[in-house]
């Protein structure tokens, strides 16, 4: 039950972090990753407006036969997209751990500029530990 990919999108729809974790899956070009992030951001905004439920937070899960894409949006508008195997369990707990790593190793980093691409080695190392915990089960 692997976790395939993680995308972090800023509040303007720009891709600020992307990492693939599963070997053997097709890789996109840099431009295609940017288009994917922008497209998802646009769909997320549209779904908040189309929802019949007032105050909807937008799309949270996109399901197919081959994968599931989970999205959480922080109070600052940053979106975390996690692409998993359809049978992956405990995704909320995984997303919470990823967000905690982001808060601890990115947002508390005095050299990080918000909304810019994430280049933090401690974030990468700790994120890899989280992913390995779930990919090895």
N, C-alpha and C. Protein backbone atom coordinates (compact mmCIF):
# COMPACT_ATOMS: atom_id res chain seq x y z
N UNK A 1 0.84 -1.18 0.00
CA UNK A 1 0.00 0.00 0.00
C UNK A 1 0.89 1.24 0.00
N UNK A 2 1.51 1.54 -1.13
CA UNK A 2 2.49 2.63 -1.12
C UNK A 2 1.89 4.03 -1.20
N UNK A 3 2.70 4.93 -0.70
CA UNK A 3 2.45 6.36 -0.91
C UNK A 3 3.28 6.70 -2.14
N UNK A 4 2.64 7.20 -3.18
CA UNK A 4 3.33 7.40 -4.45
C UNK A 4 4.03 8.74 -4.56
N UNK A 5 3.32 9.82 -4.26
CA UNK A 5 3.87 11.16 -4.49
C UNK A 5 3.29 12.16 -3.50
N UNK A 6 4.07 13.22 -3.27
CA UNK A 6 3.61 14.33 -2.45
C UNK A 6 3.83 15.62 -3.22
N UNK A 7 2.83 16.47 -3.21
CA UNK A 7 2.91 17.79 -3.83
C UNK A 7 2.49 18.81 -2.78
N UNK A 8 3.21 19.91 -2.71
CA UNK A 8 2.81 21.03 -1.86
C UNK A 8 2.63 22.22 -2.78
N UNK A 9 1.46 22.83 -2.70
CA UNK A 9 1.08 23.93 -3.60
C UNK A 9 0.81 25.16 -2.75
N UNK A 10 1.39 26.29 -3.15
CA UNK A 10 1.17 27.52 -2.37
C UNK A 10 -0.21 28.10 -2.66
N UNK A 11 -0.57 29.14 -1.93
CA UNK A 11 -1.93 29.68 -2.04
C UNK A 11 -2.24 30.29 -3.39
N UNK A 12 -1.21 30.58 -4.19
CA UNK A 12 -1.42 31.13 -5.53
C UNK A 12 -1.49 30.03 -6.59
N UNK A 13 -1.30 28.77 -6.19
CA UNK A 13 -1.36 27.66 -7.15
C UNK A 13 -0.01 27.23 -7.67
N UNK A 14 1.07 27.77 -7.13
CA UNK A 14 2.41 27.40 -7.57
C UNK A 14 2.93 26.17 -6.83
N UNK A 15 3.58 25.29 -7.56
CA UNK A 15 4.16 24.10 -6.96
C UNK A 15 5.43 24.48 -6.21
N UNK A 16 5.46 24.23 -4.89
CA UNK A 16 6.64 24.59 -4.11
C UNK A 16 7.40 23.37 -3.62
N UNK A 17 6.81 22.18 -3.77
CA UNK A 17 7.51 20.95 -3.40
C UNK A 17 6.86 19.79 -4.11
N UNK A 18 7.69 18.87 -4.60
CA UNK A 18 7.19 17.68 -5.27
C UNK A 18 8.20 16.57 -5.07
N UNK A 19 7.71 15.40 -4.72
CA UNK A 19 8.60 14.25 -4.55
C UNK A 19 7.83 12.98 -4.86
N UNK A 20 8.43 12.11 -5.68
CA UNK A 20 7.86 10.80 -5.97
C UNK A 20 8.55 9.78 -5.07
N UNK A 21 7.79 8.82 -4.56
CA UNK A 21 8.33 7.84 -3.62
C UNK A 21 8.25 6.41 -4.10
N UNK A 22 7.59 6.15 -5.20
CA UNK A 22 7.43 4.79 -5.69
C UNK A 22 8.30 4.59 -6.92
N UNK A 23 9.10 3.55 -6.89
CA UNK A 23 9.95 3.21 -8.03
C UNK A 23 9.08 2.63 -9.15
N UNK A 24 9.46 2.92 -10.38
CA UNK A 24 8.78 2.31 -11.51
C UNK A 24 7.55 3.04 -12.02
N UNK A 25 7.14 4.13 -11.36
CA UNK A 25 6.00 4.87 -11.91
C UNK A 25 6.52 5.89 -12.91
N UNK A 26 5.69 6.24 -13.85
CA UNK A 26 6.08 7.21 -14.87
C UNK A 26 6.35 8.57 -14.22
N UNK A 27 7.41 9.21 -14.64
CA UNK A 27 7.76 10.53 -14.13
C UNK A 27 7.30 11.58 -15.13
N UNK A 28 6.88 12.70 -14.63
CA UNK A 28 6.47 13.82 -15.47
C UNK A 28 7.65 14.76 -15.66
N UNK A 29 7.56 15.62 -16.66
CA UNK A 29 8.58 16.65 -16.82
C UNK A 29 8.32 17.75 -15.79
N UNK A 30 9.30 18.61 -15.59
CA UNK A 30 9.14 19.72 -14.63
C UNK A 30 7.92 20.56 -14.99
N UNK A 31 7.75 20.83 -16.27
CA UNK A 31 6.62 21.64 -16.72
C UNK A 31 5.29 20.94 -16.45
N UNK A 32 5.25 19.62 -16.64
CA UNK A 32 4.02 18.88 -16.40
C UNK A 32 3.64 18.88 -14.91
N UNK A 33 4.65 18.83 -14.03
CA UNK A 33 4.36 18.93 -12.59
C UNK A 33 3.76 20.30 -12.26
N UNK A 34 4.29 21.35 -12.87
CA UNK A 34 3.76 22.69 -12.64
C UNK A 34 2.32 22.82 -13.14
N UNK A 35 2.06 22.24 -14.31
CA UNK A 35 0.70 22.26 -14.87
C UNK A 35 -0.26 21.47 -13.98
N UNK A 36 0.19 20.31 -13.50
CA UNK A 36 -0.64 19.51 -12.61
C UNK A 36 -1.01 20.29 -11.35
N UNK A 37 -0.05 20.97 -10.75
CA UNK A 37 -0.31 21.75 -9.54
C UNK A 37 -1.29 22.90 -9.82
N UNK A 38 -1.07 23.62 -10.90
CA UNK A 38 -1.95 24.72 -11.25
C UNK A 38 -3.36 24.26 -11.57
N UNK A 39 -3.47 23.14 -12.26
CA UNK A 39 -4.78 22.59 -12.61
C UNK A 39 -5.52 22.14 -11.35
N UNK A 40 -4.82 21.44 -10.46
CA UNK A 40 -5.48 21.01 -9.23
C UNK A 40 -5.92 22.21 -8.40
N UNK A 41 -5.07 23.22 -8.32
CA UNK A 41 -5.43 24.44 -7.57
C UNK A 41 -6.71 25.04 -8.14
N UNK A 42 -6.81 25.12 -9.46
CA UNK A 42 -8.00 25.68 -10.11
C UNK A 42 -9.24 24.84 -9.83
N UNK A 43 -9.11 23.52 -9.91
CA UNK A 43 -10.23 22.64 -9.62
C UNK A 43 -10.66 22.79 -8.17
N UNK A 44 -9.69 22.92 -7.28
CA UNK A 44 -9.99 23.09 -5.86
C UNK A 44 -10.80 24.36 -5.63
N UNK A 45 -10.40 25.44 -6.26
CA UNK A 45 -11.11 26.71 -6.12
C UNK A 45 -12.53 26.60 -6.67
N UNK A 46 -12.66 25.97 -7.83
CA UNK A 46 -13.99 25.81 -8.45
C UNK A 46 -14.90 24.96 -7.57
N UNK A 47 -14.36 23.88 -6.99
CA UNK A 47 -15.20 23.01 -6.16
C UNK A 47 -15.67 23.71 -4.89
N UNK A 48 -14.91 24.67 -4.38
CA UNK A 48 -15.38 25.41 -3.20
C UNK A 48 -16.59 26.27 -3.57
N UNK A 49 -16.62 26.75 -4.81
CA UNK A 49 -17.73 27.59 -5.25
C UNK A 49 -18.95 26.78 -5.69
N UNK A 50 -18.72 25.58 -6.24
CA UNK A 50 -19.82 24.74 -6.73
C UNK A 50 -20.49 23.91 -5.65
N UNK A 51 -19.83 23.74 -4.53
CA UNK A 51 -20.37 22.88 -3.48
C UNK A 51 -21.71 23.41 -2.97
N UNK A 52 -22.68 22.50 -2.79
CA UNK A 52 -23.97 22.93 -2.24
C UNK A 52 -23.88 23.20 -0.73
N UNK A 53 -22.76 22.80 -0.13
CA UNK A 53 -22.57 22.99 1.31
C UNK A 53 -21.87 24.33 1.54
N UNK A 54 -22.51 25.26 2.26
CA UNK A 54 -21.87 26.55 2.52
C UNK A 54 -20.57 26.37 3.31
N UNK A 55 -19.54 27.12 2.93
CA UNK A 55 -18.26 27.04 3.62
C UNK A 55 -17.44 25.82 3.29
N UNK A 56 -17.73 25.17 2.17
CA UNK A 56 -16.98 23.97 1.76
C UNK A 56 -15.51 24.31 1.59
N UNK A 57 -14.67 23.34 1.95
CA UNK A 57 -13.22 23.56 1.81
C UNK A 57 -12.69 23.06 0.47
N UNK A 58 -13.55 22.64 -0.42
CA UNK A 58 -13.12 22.20 -1.74
C UNK A 58 -12.87 20.70 -1.79
N UNK A 59 -12.29 20.27 -2.89
CA UNK A 59 -12.05 18.85 -3.12
C UNK A 59 -11.08 18.30 -2.07
N UNK A 60 -11.42 17.16 -1.51
CA UNK A 60 -10.57 16.54 -0.49
C UNK A 60 -10.00 15.21 -0.96
N UNK A 61 -10.75 14.47 -1.80
CA UNK A 61 -10.28 13.17 -2.28
C UNK A 61 -10.67 13.01 -3.74
N UNK A 62 -9.73 12.56 -4.54
CA UNK A 62 -9.97 12.22 -5.94
C UNK A 62 -9.61 10.75 -6.08
N UNK A 63 -10.58 9.92 -6.47
CA UNK A 63 -10.38 8.47 -6.50
C UNK A 63 -10.43 7.94 -7.92
N UNK A 64 -9.55 6.97 -8.19
CA UNK A 64 -9.61 6.20 -9.43
C UNK A 64 -9.36 4.74 -9.07
N UNK A 65 -9.36 3.87 -10.06
CA UNK A 65 -9.08 2.46 -9.80
C UNK A 65 -7.62 2.24 -9.42
N UNK A 66 -6.73 3.13 -9.85
CA UNK A 66 -5.29 2.93 -9.67
C UNK A 66 -4.66 3.76 -8.56
N UNK A 67 -5.33 4.83 -8.14
CA UNK A 67 -4.76 5.69 -7.10
C UNK A 67 -5.85 6.50 -6.43
N UNK A 68 -5.47 7.10 -5.29
CA UNK A 68 -6.31 8.10 -4.63
C UNK A 68 -5.43 9.31 -4.39
N UNK A 69 -6.00 10.49 -4.56
CA UNK A 69 -5.29 11.74 -4.31
C UNK A 69 -6.02 12.45 -3.18
N UNK A 70 -5.32 12.64 -2.09
CA UNK A 70 -5.89 13.30 -0.91
C UNK A 70 -5.35 14.72 -0.83
N UNK A 71 -6.20 15.65 -0.42
CA UNK A 71 -5.80 17.05 -0.30
C UNK A 71 -6.22 17.60 1.05
N UNK A 72 -5.28 18.28 1.69
CA UNK A 72 -5.64 19.09 2.86
C UNK A 72 -5.17 20.51 2.56
N UNK A 73 -5.93 21.47 3.03
CA UNK A 73 -5.57 22.86 2.86
C UNK A 73 -5.36 23.47 4.24
N UNK A 74 -4.24 24.14 4.43
CA UNK A 74 -3.94 24.76 5.71
C UNK A 74 -4.69 26.09 5.82
N UNK A 75 -4.75 26.66 7.02
CA UNK A 75 -5.40 27.97 7.16
C UNK A 75 -4.75 29.08 6.31
N UNK A 76 -3.48 28.90 5.94
CA UNK A 76 -2.81 29.90 5.11
C UNK A 76 -3.04 29.68 3.62
N UNK A 77 -3.74 28.61 3.25
CA UNK A 77 -4.05 28.35 1.85
C UNK A 77 -3.09 27.38 1.17
N UNK A 78 -2.08 26.91 1.85
CA UNK A 78 -1.17 25.93 1.29
C UNK A 78 -1.89 24.59 1.20
N UNK A 79 -1.72 23.91 0.06
CA UNK A 79 -2.37 22.62 -0.15
C UNK A 79 -1.32 21.52 -0.16
N UNK A 80 -1.65 20.41 0.51
CA UNK A 80 -0.81 19.22 0.50
C UNK A 80 -1.57 18.14 -0.24
N UNK A 81 -0.98 17.62 -1.31
CA UNK A 81 -1.60 16.55 -2.09
C UNK A 81 -0.77 15.29 -1.90
N UNK A 82 -1.41 14.23 -1.51
CA UNK A 82 -0.73 12.95 -1.35
C UNK A 82 -1.39 11.94 -2.26
N UNK A 83 -0.60 11.35 -3.15
CA UNK A 83 -1.10 10.33 -4.08
C UNK A 83 -0.73 8.97 -3.49
N UNK A 84 -1.76 8.13 -3.28
CA UNK A 84 -1.55 6.85 -2.64
C UNK A 84 -2.17 5.72 -3.45
N UNK A 85 -1.88 4.51 -3.01
CA UNK A 85 -2.55 3.32 -3.49
C UNK A 85 -4.01 3.42 -3.05
N UNK A 86 -4.96 2.91 -3.84
CA UNK A 86 -6.38 3.01 -3.44
C UNK A 86 -6.71 2.35 -2.10
N UNK A 87 -5.91 1.37 -1.68
CA UNK A 87 -6.21 0.66 -0.44
C UNK A 87 -5.48 1.23 0.77
N UNK A 88 -4.79 2.35 0.61
CA UNK A 88 -4.04 2.95 1.72
C UNK A 88 -4.97 3.37 2.85
N UNK A 89 -4.60 3.00 4.07
CA UNK A 89 -5.38 3.33 5.26
C UNK A 89 -4.70 4.45 6.03
N UNK A 90 -5.43 5.06 6.95
CA UNK A 90 -4.89 6.07 7.87
C UNK A 90 -4.27 7.29 7.17
N UNK A 91 -4.86 7.72 6.09
CA UNK A 91 -4.29 8.83 5.34
C UNK A 91 -4.33 10.13 6.15
N UNK A 92 -5.37 10.31 6.96
CA UNK A 92 -5.45 11.52 7.79
C UNK A 92 -4.26 11.61 8.73
N UNK A 93 -3.87 10.48 9.33
CA UNK A 93 -2.72 10.46 10.24
C UNK A 93 -1.42 10.75 9.48
N UNK A 94 -1.31 10.21 8.28
CA UNK A 94 -0.12 10.45 7.46
C UNK A 94 -0.03 11.94 7.10
N UNK A 95 -1.15 12.51 6.67
CA UNK A 95 -1.17 13.92 6.30
C UNK A 95 -0.84 14.81 7.50
N UNK A 96 -1.32 14.43 8.66
CA UNK A 96 -1.03 15.21 9.87
C UNK A 96 0.47 15.18 10.17
N UNK A 97 1.10 14.01 10.02
CA UNK A 97 2.55 13.91 10.26
C UNK A 97 3.34 14.70 9.23
N UNK A 98 2.89 14.69 7.98
CA UNK A 98 3.56 15.47 6.93
C UNK A 98 3.44 16.96 7.24
N UNK A 99 2.25 17.39 7.64
CA UNK A 99 2.05 18.80 7.97
C UNK A 99 2.90 19.21 9.18
N UNK A 100 3.01 18.34 10.17
CA UNK A 100 3.85 18.64 11.33
C UNK A 100 5.31 18.79 10.93
N UNK A 101 5.78 17.93 10.03
CA UNK A 101 7.16 18.06 9.54
C UNK A 101 7.34 19.37 8.78
N UNK A 102 6.35 19.74 7.99
CA UNK A 102 6.38 21.02 7.27
C UNK A 102 6.46 22.19 8.24
N UNK A 103 5.63 22.16 9.28
CA UNK A 103 5.64 23.24 10.27
C UNK A 103 6.98 23.30 11.00
N UNK A 104 7.51 22.15 11.38
CA UNK A 104 8.75 22.11 12.15
C UNK A 104 10.00 22.43 11.34
N UNK A 105 10.09 21.92 10.11
CA UNK A 105 11.34 22.01 9.37
C UNK A 105 11.34 23.00 8.21
N UNK A 106 10.17 23.50 7.86
CA UNK A 106 10.10 24.51 6.79
C UNK A 106 9.71 25.86 7.38
N UNK A 107 8.54 25.90 8.01
CA UNK A 107 8.04 27.19 8.50
C UNK A 107 8.87 27.77 9.65
N UNK A 108 9.52 26.93 10.42
CA UNK A 108 10.36 27.42 11.51
C UNK A 108 11.80 27.67 11.07
N UNK A 109 12.09 27.42 9.81
CA UNK A 109 13.42 27.65 9.26
C UNK A 109 13.58 29.14 8.97
N UNK A 110 14.52 29.82 9.62
CA UNK A 110 14.66 31.27 9.42
C UNK A 110 15.11 31.65 8.01
N UNK A 111 15.60 30.68 7.24
CA UNK A 111 16.08 30.97 5.88
C UNK A 111 15.03 30.70 4.81
N UNK A 112 13.87 30.20 5.22
CA UNK A 112 12.81 29.90 4.25
C UNK A 112 11.93 31.12 4.05
N UNK A 113 11.66 31.43 2.79
CA UNK A 113 10.75 32.50 2.43
C UNK A 113 9.40 31.88 2.08
N UNK A 114 8.34 32.23 2.81
CA UNK A 114 7.03 31.64 2.54
C UNK A 114 6.61 31.80 1.07
N UNK A 115 5.91 30.80 0.59
CA UNK A 115 5.37 30.74 -0.78
C UNK A 115 6.43 30.43 -1.84
N UNK A 116 7.67 30.24 -1.43
CA UNK A 116 8.76 29.94 -2.37
C UNK A 116 9.06 28.44 -2.33
N UNK A 117 9.75 27.92 -3.36
CA UNK A 117 10.09 26.48 -3.36
C UNK A 117 10.81 26.07 -2.07
N UNK A 118 10.49 24.88 -1.61
CA UNK A 118 11.04 24.36 -0.36
C UNK A 118 12.36 23.65 -0.65
N UNK A 119 13.42 24.14 -0.01
CA UNK A 119 14.73 23.52 -0.11
C UNK A 119 15.28 23.41 1.31
N UNK A 120 14.83 22.39 2.03
CA UNK A 120 15.21 22.20 3.42
C UNK A 120 15.57 20.73 3.63
N UNK A 121 16.84 20.47 3.85
CA UNK A 121 17.32 19.09 3.98
C UNK A 121 16.66 18.36 5.14
N UNK A 122 16.49 19.04 6.28
CA UNK A 122 15.84 18.39 7.43
C UNK A 122 14.41 17.99 7.10
N UNK A 123 13.72 18.79 6.32
CA UNK A 123 12.37 18.45 5.89
C UNK A 123 12.40 17.20 5.04
N UNK A 124 13.31 17.14 4.06
CA UNK A 124 13.42 15.98 3.19
C UNK A 124 13.72 14.71 3.98
N UNK A 125 14.66 14.80 4.91
CA UNK A 125 15.06 13.64 5.70
C UNK A 125 13.90 13.13 6.55
N UNK A 126 13.22 14.03 7.24
CA UNK A 126 12.11 13.63 8.11
C UNK A 126 10.90 13.17 7.31
N UNK A 127 10.67 13.78 6.16
CA UNK A 127 9.58 13.34 5.30
C UNK A 127 9.85 11.93 4.79
N UNK A 128 11.09 11.65 4.43
CA UNK A 128 11.44 10.31 3.97
C UNK A 128 11.21 9.27 5.07
N UNK A 129 11.50 9.62 6.31
CA UNK A 129 11.24 8.71 7.43
C UNK A 129 9.75 8.42 7.56
N UNK A 130 8.93 9.46 7.42
CA UNK A 130 7.47 9.28 7.51
C UNK A 130 7.00 8.38 6.38
N UNK A 131 7.43 8.65 5.17
CA UNK A 131 7.01 7.87 4.00
C UNK A 131 7.46 6.42 4.16
N UNK A 132 8.71 6.21 4.59
CA UNK A 132 9.22 4.84 4.76
C UNK A 132 8.42 4.07 5.79
N UNK A 133 7.96 4.73 6.83
CA UNK A 133 7.15 4.08 7.86
C UNK A 133 5.91 3.44 7.24
N UNK A 134 5.28 4.12 6.30
CA UNK A 134 4.04 3.63 5.71
C UNK A 134 4.28 2.78 4.47
N UNK A 135 5.35 3.03 3.72
CA UNK A 135 5.61 2.26 2.51
C UNK A 135 6.16 0.87 2.82
N UNK A 136 6.72 0.69 4.01
CA UNK A 136 7.29 -0.61 4.37
C UNK A 136 6.28 -1.54 5.01
N UNK A 137 5.06 -1.07 5.28
CA UNK A 137 4.03 -1.91 5.92
C UNK A 137 3.43 -2.86 4.93
